[in-house]
Every structure is written in structure tokens, then in C-alpha cells.
Amino acid sequence: MNNEIIEEKSWWKRNWKWFLPLISFTLICLTLFFSSGMGGHMADFAQAYADTELYENALKKVQQNKKATNLLGQL
């Protein structure tokens, strides 16, 4: 058989039926996420992970609390 006769469709022609809804859904989700104010909260979470003093002080407070140490155990 000769494959030169078969013309392949482009990527866009083969995949537009799932690609467009996926991109639309992603854009809608991102718009809702950032318009709800959660983008600012995510920045706060990222800063909390970057700031070592925040979790070091939290560990010290947990170690000083007897109820928390009984519940979680010693580090």
C-alpha cells in the first residue's frame, strides 16, 4: 500500500474538540480563583513556608504545651 495518498490532518484539526473546552475551563477556573481573593491567600501560604521563624516558633510553642506534646509526642 502506498501511504502517500493518505493525508494526515494537522494537530489542531484532530484535537480542537477537547482542547478548546479544556482551555476555556482552565481560564474560567483561574479567573474565579483570582477574583475570589484566594490568590492573596496563596501568596501568604508561600511566604509562611519561606519564613523559617514562623514554623520554628510554632514548634517551640507546641513543645512547651503539655497537652499538645501528649497528643503529638516528643520531637
Protein backbone atom coordinates (compact mmCIF):
# COMPACT_ATOMS: atom_id res chain seq x y z
CA MET A 1 0.00 0.00 0.00
CA ASN A 2 1.11 3.49 -0.75
CA ASN A 3 0.84 5.89 2.21
CA GLU A 4 1.48 8.98 0.15
CA ILE A 5 -2.22 9.15 -0.77
CA ILE A 6 -3.38 9.34 2.86
CA GLU A 7 -3.28 12.92 4.01
CA GLU A 8 -2.79 13.39 7.74
CA LYS A 9 -4.81 16.07 9.50
CA SER A 10 -2.98 18.72 11.47
CA TRP A 11 -2.78 18.54 15.25
CA TRP A 12 -5.33 21.33 15.60
CA LYS A 13 -7.87 19.65 13.31
CA ARG A 14 -7.55 16.38 15.24
CA ASN A 15 -7.68 17.80 18.79
CA TRP A 16 -9.72 21.02 18.81
CA LYS A 17 -12.80 19.26 20.20
CA TRP A 18 -11.16 18.62 23.56
CA PHE A 19 -8.54 21.37 23.54
CA LEU A 20 -10.91 24.37 23.34
CA PRO A 21 -13.18 23.25 26.23
CA LEU A 22 -10.13 22.43 28.33
CA ILE A 23 -8.58 25.86 27.78
CA SER A 24 -11.93 27.56 28.39
CA PHE A 25 -12.47 25.64 31.62
CA THR A 26 -8.93 26.45 32.80
CA LEU A 27 -9.35 30.15 32.10
CA ILE A 28 -12.70 30.25 33.90
CA CYS A 29 -11.21 28.47 36.94
CA LEU A 30 -8.22 30.82 37.06
CA THR A 31 -10.48 33.85 36.75
CA LEU A 32 -12.71 32.64 39.58
CA PHE A 33 -9.70 31.76 41.72
CA PHE A 34 -8.03 35.16 41.44
CA SER A 35 -11.27 37.18 41.60
CA SER A 36 -12.25 35.40 44.83
CA GLY A 37 -9.18 36.73 46.63
CA MET A 38 -7.60 33.30 47.09
CA GLY A 39 -4.56 34.41 45.09
CA GLY A 40 -3.55 36.64 48.00
CA HIS A 41 -4.01 33.80 50.47
CA MET A 42 -1.81 31.55 48.37
CA ALA A 43 0.91 34.18 48.49
CA ASP A 44 0.59 34.19 52.30
CA PHE A 45 0.97 30.41 52.39
CA ALA A 46 4.07 30.61 50.20
CA GLN A 47 5.53 33.28 52.48
CA ALA A 48 4.81 31.12 55.55
CA TYR A 49 6.79 28.24 54.05
CA ALA A 50 9.66 30.55 53.13
CA ASP A 51 9.87 32.24 56.55
CA THR A 52 11.71 29.85 58.90
CA GLU A 53 10.89 31.83 62.05
CA LEU A 54 7.20 31.11 61.66
CA TYR A 55 7.47 27.36 61.93
CA GLU A 56 10.37 27.37 64.38
CA ASN A 57 8.36 29.46 66.82
CA ALA A 58 5.34 27.21 66.29
CA LEU A 59 7.43 24.13 67.14
CA LYS A 60 8.72 25.78 70.32
CA LYS A 61 5.15 26.60 71.39
CA VAL A 62 4.00 23.05 70.75
CA GLN A 63 6.92 21.63 72.72
CA GLN A 64 6.01 23.86 75.67
CA ASN A 65 2.33 22.81 75.63
CA LYS A 66 1.85 19.57 77.63
CA LYS A 67 -1.49 18.71 76.03
CA ALA A 68 -0.03 19.05 72.53
CA THR A 69 3.05 17.03 73.46
CA ASN A 70 0.88 14.24 74.89
CA LEU A 71 -1.20 14.23 71.73
CA LEU A 72 1.64 14.52 69.20
CA GLY A 73 4.56 13.05 71.12
CA GLN A 74 8.09 14.35 71.59
CA LEU A 75 10.16 15.54 68.64
